Structures are given as structure tokens and as C-alpha cells.
Amino acid sequence: MILDFFNVYEDSKRAEAYAKLEFPGTYYLAYRDLPKIIFKHVKGRTALDFGCGTGRSSRFLQKLGFSTVGVDISADMLEKARELDSKGDYRLIKDGDFSQFEDQAYDLVLSVFTFDNIPTMKKKVVNFRGLGRLLKNEGRIVNLVSSPEIYTHEWASFSTKDFPKNKHAKSGDKVRIIQTDIEDKRPVEDVVWTDEYYRETYKKAGLKLVKTYKPLAKRSEPYKWVNETRIAPWVIYVLKKEKS
């Protein structure tokens, strides 16, 4: 397990580049199935977007009809979110601290890519426990993360060919990847986490896995797919609270 980890998204240059990104290429697959998944599993319309960044996923939820609060630990990202969505509700939080929010207040907690940047089992569990407390009894967490395979293949929106060490990475190890859809071509540093480790994390956090989705691309879709039609770059977990 790594002990030190710098969150590359806590960076004004990265925030500027990321704010311009919407849903191209490989990212399209992350969001394509979310409306269907969310409406299948979530009944109410109050949502918390955990790790909202520049507000892309918060705006996405708003368009689906959710009353949404976006939260992040990066002030630079939130500044961009507010510029893009002046009427949105975006709040700065400290790592793992959800004390400003009421317990059992949300029907949905959405987390898109956030846990790719939370480095240890302990920190992941703390955050999931905190998010679980914010859920209503029938609420759901939808956790969208990078699959381990995304760091060892080439994609429409990502490149990993310059980082052969990724192939030997185990859960908790740092991996590097380049986003080809943004101007900032500095490598992004993430933490790889396997399905087995996520399941263990959820259990320790008092959450129960409801369903797992692995979206694949279709050849009919208007993108130049590389490996997306045969290997899922993303994993979407639907979670609920364990009954006490």
C-alpha cells in the first residue's frame, strides 16, 4: 500500500483543462448507462455528488432532475464548477469529513472517478462510511471507478503505453495514465483497486453490493474505439446500507 499520494486534480492548471472536458470518447461509456442504472435503483431525487470536481457530474444529475449538492476537497475545481454553474450548490469539504451534512438526507450519492484518487483501504472505508450515513434507508451509492484494465491498454481517450510498470501494479499501487482529450498532457497518477478489494472495502464500510455494471462500447457509436468494444474501461457499483 502507498503511504504518500498527491491528488493531481488539486491543481489550477489541471482544473482549467478538466473544466473544458465533457463526455468524449472513452468518457462517453462512463456516463452512457448511468441514467438507466440510476433510475432503476434510486427512487427519490435528492443527490450528493462526491468528488464533483468542476461540476460535470453534478450538472449531469441536475439534468436528470435531481436536486444536487456537489462536494470536493479541491478549491480550484470548485471555483471552476461555480463559474460553469453559478446557480449550483458546490461545497468544499475536508478529506473524509461530512459533518456539515445531515444524516439520512440523500436518495443518491454519486461518485464518478473519485475513488481512483483515494489511496488506501483505510481512507476509502472512512469515506464510504461517511457517505453511507448520508443515505436515506432506501438510498443508493453509485460508485463509478476505473477498471484495473484501463491502466494496461490503449483507449480512445487514454494512453498507458509509456507506463509498462502499470502491468505489475497491485491494489493500492500508484499507476499512471495520460488523458488524450485535454490540453494538459501531464500523466495522471491514480491508485489501482481490484474488484476483490472494492468488495472488501464495501463490507468494511457497512455497505452491501447490489449490482455491478461493466459498460462496453458498440461499434455503431460515433467514436474511434480502440479496446472499448471488448474490454470495459469502467466499473459501476450500486451499493446500499447493510441493515443493522
C-alpha atoms as a PDB file:
ATOM      1  CA  MET A   1       0.000   0.000   0.000  1.00  0.00           C
ATOM      2  CA  ILE A   2       1.208   3.504  -0.771  1.00  0.00           C
ATOM      3  CA  LEU A   3       1.607   5.925   2.092  1.00  0.00           C
ATOM      4  CA  ASP A   4       2.023   9.177   0.165  1.00  0.00           C
ATOM      5  CA  PHE A   5      -0.228  10.255  -2.647  1.00  0.00           C
ATOM      6  CA  PHE A   6      -0.612  13.585  -4.408  1.00  0.00           C
ATOM      7  CA  ASN A   7      -4.035  14.257  -5.864  1.00  0.00           C
ATOM      8  CA  VAL A   8      -3.189  15.678  -9.286  1.00  0.00           C
ATOM      9  CA  TYR A   9      -6.633  17.274  -9.563  1.00  0.00           C
ATOM     10  CA  GLU A  10      -5.787  19.694  -6.746  1.00  0.00           C
ATOM     11  CA  ASP A  11      -4.061  21.836  -9.322  1.00  0.00           C
ATOM     12  CA  SER A  12      -5.261  25.033 -11.025  1.00  0.00           C
ATOM     13  CA  LYS A  13      -3.851  24.114 -14.454  1.00  0.00           C
ATOM     14  CA  ARG A  14      -5.473  20.695 -14.315  1.00  0.00           C
ATOM     15  CA  ALA A  15      -8.738  22.241 -13.143  1.00  0.00           C
ATOM     16  CA  GLU A  16      -8.713  24.609 -16.130  1.00  0.00           C
ATOM     17  CA  ALA A  17      -8.210  21.740 -18.585  1.00  0.00           C
ATOM     18  CA  TYR A  18     -10.646  19.398 -16.868  1.00  0.00           C
ATOM     19  CA  ALA A  19     -13.378  22.053 -16.778  1.00  0.00           C
ATOM     20  CA  LYS A  20     -13.494  22.020 -20.590  1.00  0.00           C
ATOM     21  CA  LEU A  21     -13.984  18.262 -20.785  1.00  0.00           C
ATOM     22  CA  GLU A  22     -17.475  16.868 -21.172  1.00  0.00           C
ATOM     23  CA  PHE A  23     -18.209  13.334 -22.402  1.00  0.00           C
ATOM     24  CA  PRO A  24     -15.973  12.426 -25.374  1.00  0.00           C
ATOM     25  CA  GLY A  25     -14.624   9.027 -26.350  1.00  0.00           C
ATOM     26  CA  THR A  26     -13.998   6.628 -23.504  1.00  0.00           C
ATOM     27  CA  TYR A  27     -15.669   9.037 -21.066  1.00  0.00           C
ATOM     28  CA  TYR A  28     -18.899   8.591 -23.010  1.00  0.00           C
ATOM     29  CA  LEU A  29     -19.047   4.991 -21.774  1.00  0.00           C
ATOM     30  CA  ALA A  30     -18.738   6.112 -18.164  1.00  0.00           C
ATOM     31  CA  TYR A  31     -21.904   8.187 -18.432  1.00  0.00           C
ATOM     32  CA  ARG A  32     -23.884   6.430 -21.179  1.00  0.00           C
ATOM     33  CA  ASP A  33     -25.647   3.904 -18.944  1.00  0.00           C
ATOM     34  CA  LEU A  34     -25.842   5.969 -15.768  1.00  0.00           C
ATOM     35  CA  PRO A  35     -29.381   7.351 -16.306  1.00  0.00           C
ATOM     36  CA  LYS A  36     -30.820   3.866 -16.788  1.00  0.00           C
ATOM     37  CA  ILE A  37     -28.860   2.494 -13.828  1.00  0.00           C
ATOM     38  CA  ILE A  38     -29.787   5.375 -11.533  1.00  0.00           C
ATOM     39  CA  PHE A  39     -33.499   5.330 -12.367  1.00  0.00           C
ATOM     40  CA  LYS A  40     -33.590   1.556 -11.902  1.00  0.00           C
ATOM     41  CA  HIS A  41     -32.119   1.668  -8.398  1.00  0.00           C
ATOM     42  CA  VAL A  42     -32.947   5.118  -6.980  1.00  0.00           C
ATOM     43  CA  LYS A  43     -36.452   6.234  -6.013  1.00  0.00           C
ATOM     44  CA  GLY A  44     -36.106   9.814  -4.748  1.00  0.00           C
ATOM     45  CA  ARG A  45     -34.491  12.877  -6.308  1.00  0.00           C
ATOM     46  CA  THR A  46     -32.049  14.254  -3.737  1.00  0.00           C
ATOM     47  CA  ALA A  47     -28.405  13.658  -4.586  1.00  0.00           C
ATOM     48  CA  LEU A  48     -24.908  14.316  -3.324  1.00  0.00           C
ATOM     49  CA  ASP A  49     -22.126  14.279  -5.916  1.00  0.00           C
ATOM     50  CA  PHE A  50     -19.000  13.173  -4.062  1.00  0.00           C
ATOM     51  CA  GLY A  51     -15.820  14.421  -5.710  1.00  0.00           C
ATOM     52  CA  CYS A  52     -17.707  16.681  -8.105  1.00  0.00           C
ATOM     53  CA  GLY A  53     -14.561  18.365  -9.432  1.00  0.00           C
ATOM     54  CA  THR A  54     -15.532  21.071 -11.927  1.00  0.00           C
ATOM     55  CA  GLY A  55     -19.180  20.033 -11.660  1.00  0.00           C
ATOM     56  CA  ARG A  56     -19.540  17.846 -14.728  1.00  0.00           C
ATOM     57  CA  SER A  57     -21.295  15.015 -12.868  1.00  0.00           C
ATOM     58  CA  SER A  58     -23.350  17.467 -10.779  1.00  0.00           C
ATOM     59  CA  ARG A  59     -24.698  19.139 -13.906  1.00  0.00           C
ATOM     60  CA  PHE A  60     -25.390  15.674 -15.275  1.00  0.00           C
ATOM     61  CA  LEU A  61     -27.519  14.848 -12.221  1.00  0.00           C
ATOM     62  CA  GLN A  62     -29.326  18.161 -12.412  1.00  0.00           C
ATOM     63  CA  LYS A  63     -30.352  17.382 -15.987  1.00  0.00           C
ATOM     64  CA  LEU A  64     -31.769  14.080 -14.726  1.00  0.00           C
ATOM     65  CA  GLY A  65     -33.991  16.020 -12.321  1.00  0.00           C
ATOM     66  CA  PHE A  66     -32.008  15.618  -9.109  1.00  0.00           C
ATOM     67  CA  SER A  67     -31.633  18.333  -6.506  1.00  0.00           C
ATOM     68  CA  THR A  68     -27.860  18.075  -6.270  1.00  0.00           C
ATOM     69  CA  VAL A  69     -25.114  19.153  -3.894  1.00  0.00           C
ATOM     70  CA  GLY A  70     -21.603  18.848  -5.301  1.00  0.00           C
ATOM     71  CA  VAL A  71     -18.721  18.373  -2.865  1.00  0.00           C
ATOM     72  CA  ASP A  72     -14.966  18.252  -3.350  1.00  0.00           C
ATOM     73  CA  ILE A  73     -11.699  18.764  -1.468  1.00  0.00           C
ATOM     74  CA  SER A  74     -10.232  20.918  -4.249  1.00  0.00           C
ATOM     75  CA  ALA A  75     -10.976  24.647  -4.062  1.00  0.00           C
ATOM     76  CA  ASP A  76      -9.625  25.149  -7.594  1.00  0.00           C
ATOM     77  CA  MET A  77     -12.046  22.603  -9.009  1.00  0.00           C
ATOM     78  CA  LEU A  78     -14.996  24.089  -7.133  1.00  0.00           C
ATOM     79  CA  GLU A  79     -14.133  27.569  -8.389  1.00  0.00           C
ATOM     80  CA  LYS A  80     -14.467  26.288 -11.959  1.00  0.00           C
ATOM     81  CA  ALA A  81     -17.686  24.453 -11.085  1.00  0.00           C
ATOM     82  CA  ARG A  82     -19.235  27.685  -9.835  1.00  0.00           C
ATOM     83  CA  GLU A  83     -18.086  29.567 -12.936  1.00  0.00           C
ATOM     84  CA  LEU A  84     -19.798  27.000 -15.145  1.00  0.00           C
ATOM     85  CA  ASP A  85     -22.907  26.687 -12.960  1.00  0.00           C
ATOM     86  CA  SER A  86     -23.492  29.829 -10.933  1.00  0.00           C
ATOM     87  CA  LYS A  87     -26.794  28.553  -9.535  1.00  0.00           C
ATOM     88  CA  GLY A  88     -25.393  25.192  -8.442  1.00  0.00           C
ATOM     89  CA  ASP A  89     -24.683  24.167  -4.843  1.00  0.00           C
ATOM     90  CA  TYR A  90     -20.961  23.369  -4.540  1.00  0.00           C
ATOM     91  CA  ARG A  91     -19.263  22.891  -1.187  1.00  0.00           C
ATOM     92  CA  LEU A  92     -15.694  22.422  -0.029  1.00  0.00           C
ATOM     93  CA  ILE A  93     -15.085  19.587   2.420  1.00  0.00           C
ATOM     94  CA  LYS A  94     -12.078  18.250   4.256  1.00  0.00           C
ATOM     95  CA  ASP A  95     -10.946  14.731   3.426  1.00  0.00           C
ATOM     96  CA  GLY A  96     -13.466  12.280   4.918  1.00  0.00           C
ATOM     97  CA  ASP A  97     -15.377  14.974   6.845  1.00  0.00           C
ATOM     98  CA  PHE A  98     -19.118  15.052   6.113  1.00  0.00           C
ATOM     99  CA  SER A  99     -20.140  16.744   9.360  1.00  0.00           C
ATOM    100  CA  GLN A 100     -21.756  19.701   7.575  1.00  0.00           C
ATOM    101  CA  PHE A 101     -24.392  17.374   6.093  1.00  0.00           C
ATOM    102  CA  GLU A 102     -27.466  15.895   7.698  1.00  0.00           C
ATOM    103  CA  ASP A 103     -27.574  12.116   8.169  1.00  0.00           C
ATOM    104  CA  GLN A 104     -30.015  10.130   6.028  1.00  0.00           C
ATOM    105  CA  ALA A 105     -30.687  13.136   3.781  1.00  0.00           C
ATOM    106  CA  TYR A 106     -29.974  11.772   0.298  1.00  0.00           C
ATOM    107  CA  ASP A 107     -31.580   9.272  -2.042  1.00  0.00           C
ATOM    108  CA  LEU A 108     -28.430   9.032  -4.136  1.00  0.00           C
ATOM    109  CA  VAL A 109     -24.726   9.506  -3.585  1.00  0.00           C
ATOM    110  CA  LEU A 110     -22.890   9.533  -6.902  1.00  0.00           C
ATOM    111  CA  SER A 111     -19.130   9.198  -7.086  1.00  0.00           C
ATOM    112  CA  VAL A 112     -17.536   9.367 -10.529  1.00  0.00           C
ATOM    113  CA  PHE A 113     -13.785   8.530 -10.647  1.00  0.00           C
ATOM    114  CA  THR A 114     -13.279   9.918  -7.117  1.00  0.00           C
ATOM    115  CA  PHE A 115     -12.124   6.690  -5.502  1.00  0.00           C
ATOM    116  CA  ASP A 116      -9.410   6.326  -8.164  1.00  0.00           C
ATOM    117  CA  ASN A 117      -7.673   9.067  -6.173  1.00  0.00           C
ATOM    118  CA  ILE A 118      -8.266   7.890  -2.609  1.00  0.00           C
ATOM    119  CA  PRO A 119      -5.127   5.915  -1.840  1.00  0.00           C
ATOM    120  CA  THR A 120      -5.651   3.424   0.989  1.00  0.00           C
ATOM    121  CA  MET A 121      -8.193   0.916   2.224  1.00  0.00           C
ATOM    122  CA  LYS A 122      -8.474   2.871   5.472  1.00  0.00           C
ATOM    123  CA  LYS A 123      -9.260   6.165   3.714  1.00  0.00           C
ATOM    124  CA  LYS A 124     -11.685   4.510   1.315  1.00  0.00           C
ATOM    125  CA  VAL A 125     -13.549   2.885   4.192  1.00  0.00           C
ATOM    126  CA  VAL A 126     -13.742   6.169   6.144  1.00  0.00           C
ATOM    127  CA  ASN A 127     -15.240   7.931   3.137  1.00  0.00           C
ATOM    128  CA  PHE A 128     -17.698   5.154   2.320  1.00  0.00           C
ATOM    129  CA  ARG A 129     -18.852   5.001   5.943  1.00  0.00           C
ATOM    130  CA  GLY A 130     -19.423   8.727   5.931  1.00  0.00           C
ATOM    131  CA  LEU A 131     -21.326   8.580   2.654  1.00  0.00           C
ATOM    132  CA  GLY A 132     -23.395   5.679   3.946  1.00  0.00           C
ATOM    133  CA  ARG A 133     -24.557   7.791   6.889  1.00  0.00           C
ATOM    134  CA  LEU A 134     -25.858  10.406   4.452  1.00  0.00           C
ATOM    135  CA  LEU A 135     -28.076   7.888   2.650  1.00  0.00           C
ATOM    136  CA  LYS A 136     -31.749   7.512   3.369  1.00  0.00           C
ATOM    137  CA  ASN A 137     -32.731   3.971   4.374  1.00  0.00           C
ATOM    138  CA  GLU A 138     -33.598   3.059   0.788  1.00  0.00           C
ATOM    139  CA  GLY A 139     -30.888   5.258  -0.720  1.00  0.00           C
ATOM    140  CA  ARG A 140     -28.118   4.069  -3.024  1.00  0.00           C
ATOM    141  CA  ILE A 141     -24.483   4.864  -3.676  1.00  0.00           C
ATOM    142  CA  VAL A 142     -23.425   4.653  -7.313  1.00  0.00           C
ATOM    143  CA  ASN A 143     -19.641   4.362  -7.417  1.00  0.00           C
ATOM    144  CA  LEU A 144     -18.055   4.632 -10.856  1.00  0.00           C
ATOM    145  CA  VAL A 145     -14.363   3.770 -10.969  1.00  0.00           C
ATOM    146  CA  SER A 146     -11.645   2.869 -13.431  1.00  0.00           C
ATOM    147  CA  SER A 147     -11.206  -0.827 -14.078  1.00  0.00           C
ATOM    148  CA  PRO A 148      -7.688  -2.172 -13.456  1.00  0.00           C
ATOM    149  CA  GLU A 149      -7.526  -2.915 -17.207  1.00  0.00           C
ATOM    150  CA  ILE A 150      -7.735   0.765 -18.111  1.00  0.00           C
ATOM    151  CA  TYR A 151      -4.149   1.193 -16.911  1.00  0.00           C
ATOM    152  CA  THR A 152      -2.719  -1.577 -19.099  1.00  0.00           C
ATOM    153  CA  HIS A 153      -4.306  -0.908 -22.520  1.00  0.00           C
ATOM    154  CA  GLU A 154      -4.788   1.836 -25.094  1.00  0.00           C
ATOM    155  CA  TRP A 155      -8.098   3.686 -25.411  1.00  0.00           C
ATOM    156  CA  ALA A 156      -9.883   6.335 -27.437  1.00  0.00           C
ATOM    157  CA  SER A 157      -9.279   8.854 -24.638  1.00  0.00           C
ATOM    158  CA  PHE A 158      -6.284   7.442 -22.750  1.00  0.00           C
ATOM    159  CA  SER A 159      -2.795   6.116 -23.302  1.00  0.00           C
ATOM    160  CA  THR A 160      -0.739   3.897 -20.991  1.00  0.00           C
ATOM    161  CA  LYS A 161       1.929   2.601 -23.392  1.00  0.00           C
ATOM    162  CA  ASP A 162       4.619   4.741 -21.760  1.00  0.00           C
ATOM    163  CA  PHE A 163       3.996   3.184 -18.348  1.00  0.00           C
ATOM    164  CA  PRO A 164       4.849  -0.541 -18.537  1.00  0.00           C
ATOM    165  CA  LYS A 165       5.124  -0.739 -14.747  1.00  0.00           C
ATOM    166  CA  ASN A 166       1.320  -0.452 -14.617  1.00  0.00           C
ATOM    167  CA  LYS A 167       1.093  -4.100 -15.696  1.00  0.00           C
ATOM    168  CA  HIS A 168       2.653  -5.197 -12.404  1.00  0.00           C
ATOM    169  CA  ALA A 169       0.616  -2.917 -10.143  1.00  0.00           C
ATOM    170  CA  LYS A 170      -1.413  -4.440  -7.320  1.00  0.00           C
ATOM    171  CA  SER A 171      -4.299  -2.942  -5.362  1.00  0.00           C
ATOM    172  CA  GLY A 172      -3.099   0.206  -3.623  1.00  0.00           C
ATOM    173  CA  ASP A 173      -0.215   0.837  -6.029  1.00  0.00           C
ATOM    174  CA  LYS A 174       0.167   4.057  -7.971  1.00  0.00           C
ATOM    175  CA  VAL A 175      -0.413   3.879 -11.724  1.00  0.00           C
ATOM    176  CA  ARG A 176      -0.041   6.497 -14.438  1.00  0.00           C
ATOM    177  CA  ILE A 177      -2.190   7.321 -17.430  1.00  0.00           C
ATOM    178  CA  ILE A 178      -2.374  10.132 -19.991  1.00  0.00           C
ATOM    179  CA  GLN A 179      -5.684  11.756 -20.920  1.00  0.00           C
ATOM    180  CA  THR A 180      -5.607  12.480 -24.647  1.00  0.00           C
ATOM    181  CA  ASP A 181      -8.814  14.570 -24.759  1.00  0.00           C
ATOM    182  CA  ILE A 182      -7.454  17.540 -22.799  1.00  0.00           C
ATOM    183  CA  GLU A 183      -4.707  20.076 -23.445  1.00  0.00           C
ATOM    184  CA  ASP A 184      -2.848  19.177 -20.244  1.00  0.00           C
ATOM    185  CA  LYS A 185      -0.865  16.090 -21.245  1.00  0.00           C
ATOM    186  CA  ARG A 186       0.873  15.566 -17.913  1.00  0.00           C
ATOM    187  CA  PRO A 187       0.342  11.997 -16.684  1.00  0.00           C
ATOM    188  CA  VAL A 188      -2.451  11.494 -14.168  1.00  0.00           C
ATOM    189  CA  GLU A 189      -1.483   9.450 -11.123  1.00  0.00           C
ATOM    190  CA  ASP A 190      -4.232   7.141  -9.876  1.00  0.00           C
ATOM    191  CA  VAL A 191      -4.492   4.211  -7.479  1.00  0.00           C
ATOM    192  CA  VAL A 192      -5.399   0.833  -8.914  1.00  0.00           C
ATOM    193  CA  TRP A 193      -8.040  -1.137  -6.984  1.00  0.00           C
ATOM    194  CA  THR A 194      -9.385  -4.537  -7.966  1.00  0.00           C
ATOM    195  CA  ASP A 195     -12.947  -5.804  -7.755  1.00  0.00           C
ATOM    196  CA  GLU A 196     -11.931  -8.083  -4.899  1.00  0.00           C
ATOM    197  CA  TYR A 197     -10.554  -5.153  -2.930  1.00  0.00           C
ATOM    198  CA  TYR A 198     -13.604  -2.997  -3.617  1.00  0.00           C
ATOM    199  CA  ARG A 199     -15.858  -5.735  -2.306  1.00  0.00           C
ATOM    200  CA  GLU A 200     -13.756  -5.968   0.850  1.00  0.00           C
ATOM    201  CA  THR A 201     -13.832  -2.170   1.202  1.00  0.00           C
ATOM    202  CA  TYR A 202     -17.614  -2.044   0.918  1.00  0.00           C
ATOM    203  CA  LYS A 203     -18.026  -4.762   3.523  1.00  0.00           C
ATOM    204  CA  LYS A 204     -15.770  -2.965   5.999  1.00  0.00           C
ATOM    205  CA  ALA A 205     -17.729   0.245   5.418  1.00  0.00           C
ATOM    206  CA  GLY A 206     -21.063  -1.394   6.209  1.00  0.00           C
ATOM    207  CA  LEU A 207     -22.285  -1.370   2.618  1.00  0.00           C
ATOM    208  CA  LYS A 208     -23.823  -4.143   0.558  1.00  0.00           C
ATOM    209  CA  LEU A 209     -23.191  -4.588  -3.151  1.00  0.00           C
ATOM    210  CA  VAL A 210     -26.461  -4.534  -5.092  1.00  0.00           C
ATOM    211  CA  LYS A 211     -25.240  -4.719  -8.689  1.00  0.00           C
ATOM    212  CA  THR A 212     -22.080  -4.367 -10.788  1.00  0.00           C
ATOM    213  CA  TYR A 213     -22.030  -2.984 -14.337  1.00  0.00           C
ATOM    214  CA  LYS A 214     -19.165  -3.040 -16.862  1.00  0.00           C
ATOM    215  CA  PRO A 215     -20.156  -0.952 -19.896  1.00  0.00           C
ATOM    216  CA  LEU A 216     -18.764  -1.974 -23.294  1.00  0.00           C
ATOM    217  CA  ALA A 217     -18.768   0.153 -26.434  1.00  0.00           C
ATOM    218  CA  LYS A 218     -20.844  -0.570 -29.517  1.00  0.00           C
ATOM    219  CA  ARG A 219     -19.300  -0.383 -32.972  1.00  0.00           C
ATOM    220  CA  SER A 220     -22.256   1.716 -34.127  1.00  0.00           C
ATOM    221  CA  GLU A 221     -21.335   4.526 -31.715  1.00  0.00           C
ATOM    222  CA  PRO A 222     -19.616   7.580 -33.261  1.00  0.00           C
ATOM    223  CA  TYR A 223     -16.155   7.151 -31.756  1.00  0.00           C
ATOM    224  CA  LYS A 224     -12.904   5.568 -32.895  1.00  0.00           C
ATOM    225  CA  TRP A 225     -12.846   2.796 -30.324  1.00  0.00           C
ATOM    226  CA  VAL A 226      -9.562   1.064 -29.581  1.00  0.00           C
ATOM    227  CA  ASN A 227     -10.241  -1.644 -26.966  1.00  0.00           C
ATOM    228  CA  GLU A 228     -13.571  -0.384 -25.612  1.00  0.00           C
ATOM    229  CA  THR A 229     -15.740  -2.891 -27.508  1.00  0.00           C
ATOM    230  CA  ARG A 230     -14.096  -5.888 -25.840  1.00  0.00           C
ATOM    231  CA  ILE A 231     -12.663  -4.600 -22.537  1.00  0.00           C
ATOM    232  CA  ALA A 232     -14.654  -2.450 -20.104  1.00  0.00           C
ATOM    233  CA  PRO A 233     -12.642   0.621 -19.043  1.00  0.00           C
ATOM    234  CA  TRP A 234     -15.057   1.437 -16.217  1.00  0.00           C
ATOM    235  CA  VAL A 235     -16.843  -0.399 -13.426  1.00  0.00           C
ATOM    236  CA  ILE A 236     -20.090   0.889 -11.925  1.00  0.00           C
ATOM    237  CA  TYR A 237     -21.064  -0.399  -8.469  1.00  0.00           C
ATOM    238  CA  VAL A 238     -24.503   0.123  -6.955  1.00  0.00           C
ATOM    239  CA  LEU A 239     -24.450  -0.056  -3.138  1.00  0.00           C
ATOM    240  CA  LYS A 240     -26.865   0.137  -0.243  1.00  0.00           C
ATOM    241  CA  LYS A 241     -26.504   0.253   3.514  1.00  0.00           C
ATOM    242  CA  GLU A 242     -26.342  -3.010   5.395  1.00  0.00           C
ATOM    243  CA  LYS A 243     -29.363  -3.415   7.643  1.00  0.00           C
ATOM    244  CA  SER A 244     -28.397  -3.109  11.295  1.00  0.00           C
END
